[in-house]
Amino acid sequence: MRRENAGFSVFTSAFREINRSRRSFIVSRSVVYLFWNPQ
């Protein structure tokens, strides 16, 4: 049970890190899109 809790915490931390990187990637991609396609 304790081992499962540790694995779950590691999984949640990794998921949070992936979410943060994905958000920054979307922001950078949108910035590049706006830079290459000015309105």
PDB file of N, CA and C in Angstrom:
ATOM      1  N   MET A   1       0.848  -1.205   0.000  1.00  0.00           N
ATOM      2  CA  MET A   1       0.000   0.000   0.000  1.00  0.00           C
ATOM      3  C   MET A   1       0.879   1.248   0.000  1.00  0.00           C
ATOM      4  N   ARG A   2       1.889   1.224   0.864  1.00  0.00           N
ATOM      5  CA  ARG A   2       2.781   2.383   0.908  1.00  0.00           C
ATOM      6  C   ARG A   2       3.529   2.531  -0.413  1.00  0.00           C
ATOM      7  N   ARG A   3       3.912   1.402  -1.001  1.00  0.00           N
ATOM      8  CA  ARG A   3       4.633   1.438  -2.280  1.00  0.00           C
ATOM      9  C   ARG A   3       3.717   2.001  -3.375  1.00  0.00           C
ATOM     10  N   GLU A   4       2.448   1.609  -3.372  1.00  0.00           N
ATOM     11  CA  GLU A   4       1.509   2.131  -4.368  1.00  0.00           C
ATOM     12  C   GLU A   4       1.347   3.642  -4.213  1.00  0.00           C
ATOM     13  N   ASN A   5       1.310   4.117  -2.974  1.00  0.00           N
ATOM     14  CA  ASN A   5       1.180   5.554  -2.739  1.00  0.00           C
ATOM     15  C   ASN A   5       2.386   6.302  -3.303  1.00  0.00           C
ATOM     16  N   ALA A   6       3.576   5.744  -3.102  1.00  0.00           N
ATOM     17  CA  ALA A   6       4.786   6.390  -3.612  1.00  0.00           C
ATOM     18  C   ALA A   6       4.744   6.447  -5.142  1.00  0.00           C
ATOM     19  N   GLY A   7       4.371   5.335  -5.769  1.00  0.00           N
ATOM     20  CA  GLY A   7       4.287   5.322  -7.224  1.00  0.00           C
ATOM     21  C   GLY A   7       3.248   6.304  -7.729  1.00  0.00           C
ATOM     22  N   PHE A   8       2.126   6.422  -7.000  1.00  0.00           N
ATOM     23  CA  PHE A   8       1.080   7.350  -7.425  1.00  0.00           C
ATOM     24  C   PHE A   8       1.562   8.790  -7.329  1.00  0.00           C
ATOM     25  N   SER A   9       2.298   9.112  -6.260  1.00  0.00           N
ATOM     26  CA  SER A   9       2.808  10.475  -6.114  1.00  0.00           C
ATOM     27  C   SER A   9       3.798  10.794  -7.236  1.00  0.00           C
ATOM     28  N   VAL A  10       4.644   9.830  -7.584  1.00  0.00           N
ATOM     29  CA  VAL A  10       5.602  10.035  -8.678  1.00  0.00           C
ATOM     30  C   VAL A  10       4.852  10.241  -9.987  1.00  0.00           C
ATOM     31  N   PHE A  11       3.785   9.454 -10.185  1.00  0.00           N
ATOM     32  CA  PHE A  11       3.006   9.570 -11.412  1.00  0.00           C
ATOM     33  C   PHE A  11       2.334  10.936 -11.498  1.00  0.00           C
ATOM     34  N   THR A  12       1.775  11.401 -10.382  1.00  0.00           N
ATOM     35  CA  THR A  12       1.096  12.697 -10.389  1.00  0.00           C
ATOM     36  C   THR A  12       2.098  13.827 -10.637  1.00  0.00           C
ATOM     37  N   SER A  13       3.295  13.729 -10.035  1.00  0.00           N
ATOM     38  CA  SER A  13       4.299  14.773 -10.253  1.00  0.00           C
ATOM     39  C   SER A  13       4.744  14.782 -11.715  1.00  0.00           C
ATOM     40  N   ALA A  14       4.913  13.595 -12.292  1.00  0.00           N
ATOM     41  CA  ALA A  14       5.306  13.525 -13.703  1.00  0.00           C
ATOM     42  C   ALA A  14       4.201  14.076 -14.583  1.00  0.00           C
ATOM     43  N   PHE A  15       2.955  13.762 -14.247  1.00  0.00           N
ATOM     44  CA  PHE A  15       1.819  14.266 -15.030  1.00  0.00           C
ATOM     45  C   PHE A  15       1.752  15.785 -14.954  1.00  0.00           C
ATOM     46  N   ARG A  16       2.022  16.331 -13.757  1.00  0.00           N
ATOM     47  CA  ARG A  16       2.002  17.792 -13.601  1.00  0.00           C
ATOM     48  C   ARG A  16       3.099  18.429 -14.444  1.00  0.00           C
ATOM     49  N   GLU A  17       4.282  17.807 -14.456  1.00  0.00           N
ATOM     50  CA  GLU A  17       5.394  18.335 -15.252  1.00  0.00           C
ATOM     51  C   GLU A  17       5.061  18.285 -16.740  1.00  0.00           C
ATOM     52  N   ILE A  18       4.433  17.184 -17.184  1.00  0.00           N
ATOM     53  CA  ILE A  18       4.045  17.064 -18.597  1.00  0.00           C
ATOM     54  C   ILE A  18       3.016  18.134 -18.947  1.00  0.00           C
ATOM     55  N   ASN A  19       2.069  18.377 -18.042  1.00  0.00           N
ATOM     56  CA  ASN A  19       1.060  19.402 -18.305  1.00  0.00           C
ATOM     57  C   ASN A  19       1.716  20.770 -18.454  1.00  0.00           C
ATOM     58  N   ARG A  20       2.677  21.067 -17.579  1.00  0.00           N
ATOM     59  CA  ARG A  20       3.346  22.369 -17.633  1.00  0.00           C
ATOM     60  C   ARG A  20       4.117  22.513 -18.945  1.00  0.00           C
ATOM     61  N   SER A  21       4.845  21.473 -19.334  1.00  0.00           N
ATOM     62  CA  SER A  21       5.622  21.547 -20.579  1.00  0.00           C
ATOM     63  C   SER A  21       4.689  21.660 -21.778  1.00  0.00           C
ATOM     64  N   ARG A  22       3.558  20.951 -21.739  1.00  0.00           N
ATOM     65  CA  ARG A  22       2.610  21.026 -22.859  1.00  0.00           C
ATOM     66  C   ARG A  22       2.028  22.430 -22.962  1.00  0.00           C
ATOM     67  N   ARG A  23       1.712  23.049 -21.818  1.00  0.00           N
ATOM     68  CA  ARG A  23       1.151  24.396 -21.847  1.00  0.00           C
ATOM     69  C   ARG A  23       2.171  25.375 -22.414  1.00  0.00           C
ATOM     70  N   SER A  24       3.421  25.290 -21.971  1.00  0.00           N
ATOM     71  CA  SER A  24       4.460  26.196 -22.475  1.00  0.00           C
ATOM     72  C   SER A  24       4.690  25.952 -23.963  1.00  0.00           C
ATOM     73  N   PHE A  25       4.598  24.679 -24.384  1.00  0.00           N
ATOM     74  CA  PHE A  25       4.780  24.367 -25.801  1.00  0.00           C
ATOM     75  C   PHE A  25       3.665  24.997 -26.629  1.00  0.00           C
ATOM     76  N   ILE A  26       2.420  24.928 -26.141  1.00  0.00           N
ATOM     77  CA  ILE A  26       1.293  25.531 -26.872  1.00  0.00           C
ATOM     78  C   ILE A  26       1.475  27.045 -26.942  1.00  0.00           C
ATOM     79  N   VAL A  27       1.898  27.644 -25.850  1.00  0.00           N
ATOM     80  CA  VAL A  27       2.088  29.107 -25.832  1.00  0.00           C
ATOM     81  C   VAL A  27       3.176  29.507 -26.817  1.00  0.00           C
ATOM     82  N   SER A  28       4.295  28.786 -26.806  1.00  0.00           N
ATOM     83  CA  SER A  28       5.392  29.129 -27.722  1.00  0.00           C
ATOM     84  C   SER A  28       4.965  28.905 -29.170  1.00  0.00           C
ATOM     85  N   ARG A  29       4.189  27.859 -29.417  1.00  0.00           N
ATOM     86  CA  ARG A  29       3.741  27.591 -30.784  1.00  0.00           C
ATOM     87  C   ARG A  29       2.803  28.696 -31.251  1.00  0.00           C
ATOM     88  N   SER A  30       1.913  29.153 -30.377  1.00  0.00           N
ATOM     89  CA  SER A  30       0.996  30.234 -30.764  1.00  0.00           C
ATOM     90  C   SER A  30       1.773  31.524 -31.009  1.00  0.00           C
ATOM     91  N   VAL A  31       2.813  31.776 -30.201  1.00  0.00           N
ATOM     92  CA  VAL A  31       3.624  32.983 -30.393  1.00  0.00           C
ATOM     93  C   VAL A  31       4.343  32.913 -31.735  1.00  0.00           C
ATOM     94  N   VAL A  32       4.889  31.745 -32.074  1.00  0.00           N
ATOM     95  CA  VAL A  32       5.569  31.588 -33.360  1.00  0.00           C
ATOM     96  C   VAL A  32       4.573  31.766 -34.504  1.00  0.00           C
ATOM     97  N   TYR A  33       3.362  31.235 -34.328  1.00  0.00           N
ATOM     98  CA  TYR A  33       2.337  31.367 -35.378  1.00  0.00           C
ATOM     99  C   TYR A  33       1.981  32.831 -35.591  1.00  0.00           C
ATOM    100  N   LEU A  34       1.815  33.576 -34.494  1.00  0.00           N
ATOM    101  CA  LEU A  34       1.493  34.995 -34.627  1.00  0.00           C
ATOM    102  C   LEU A  34       2.664  35.759 -35.238  1.00  0.00           C
ATOM    103  N   PHE A  35       3.890  35.327 -34.917  1.00  0.00           N
ATOM    104  CA  PHE A  35       5.066  36.018 -35.449  1.00  0.00           C
ATOM    105  C   PHE A  35       5.188  35.792 -36.958  1.00  0.00           C
ATOM    106  N   TRP A  36       4.877  34.583 -37.407  1.00  0.00           N
ATOM    107  CA  TRP A  36       5.001  34.291 -38.837  1.00  0.00           C
ATOM    108  C   TRP A  36       3.788  34.740 -39.631  1.00  0.00           C
ATOM    109  N   ASN A  37       2.639  34.962 -38.956  1.00  0.00           N
ATOM    110  CA  ASN A  37       1.429  35.384 -39.663  1.00  0.00           C
ATOM    111  C   ASN A  37       0.848  36.635 -39.002  1.00  0.00           C
ATOM    112  N   PRO A  38       1.487  37.764 -39.198  1.00  0.00           N
ATOM    113  CA  PRO A  38       0.958  39.003 -38.595  1.00  0.00           C
ATOM    114  C   PRO A  38      -0.355  39.387 -39.243  1.00  0.00           C
ATOM    115  N   GLN A  39      -1.248  39.946 -38.428  1.00  0.00           N
ATOM    116  CA  GLN A  39      -2.559  40.317 -38.968  1.00  0.00           C
ATOM    117  C   GLN A  39      -2.564  41.777 -39.363  1.00  0.00           C
TER     118      GLN A  39
END
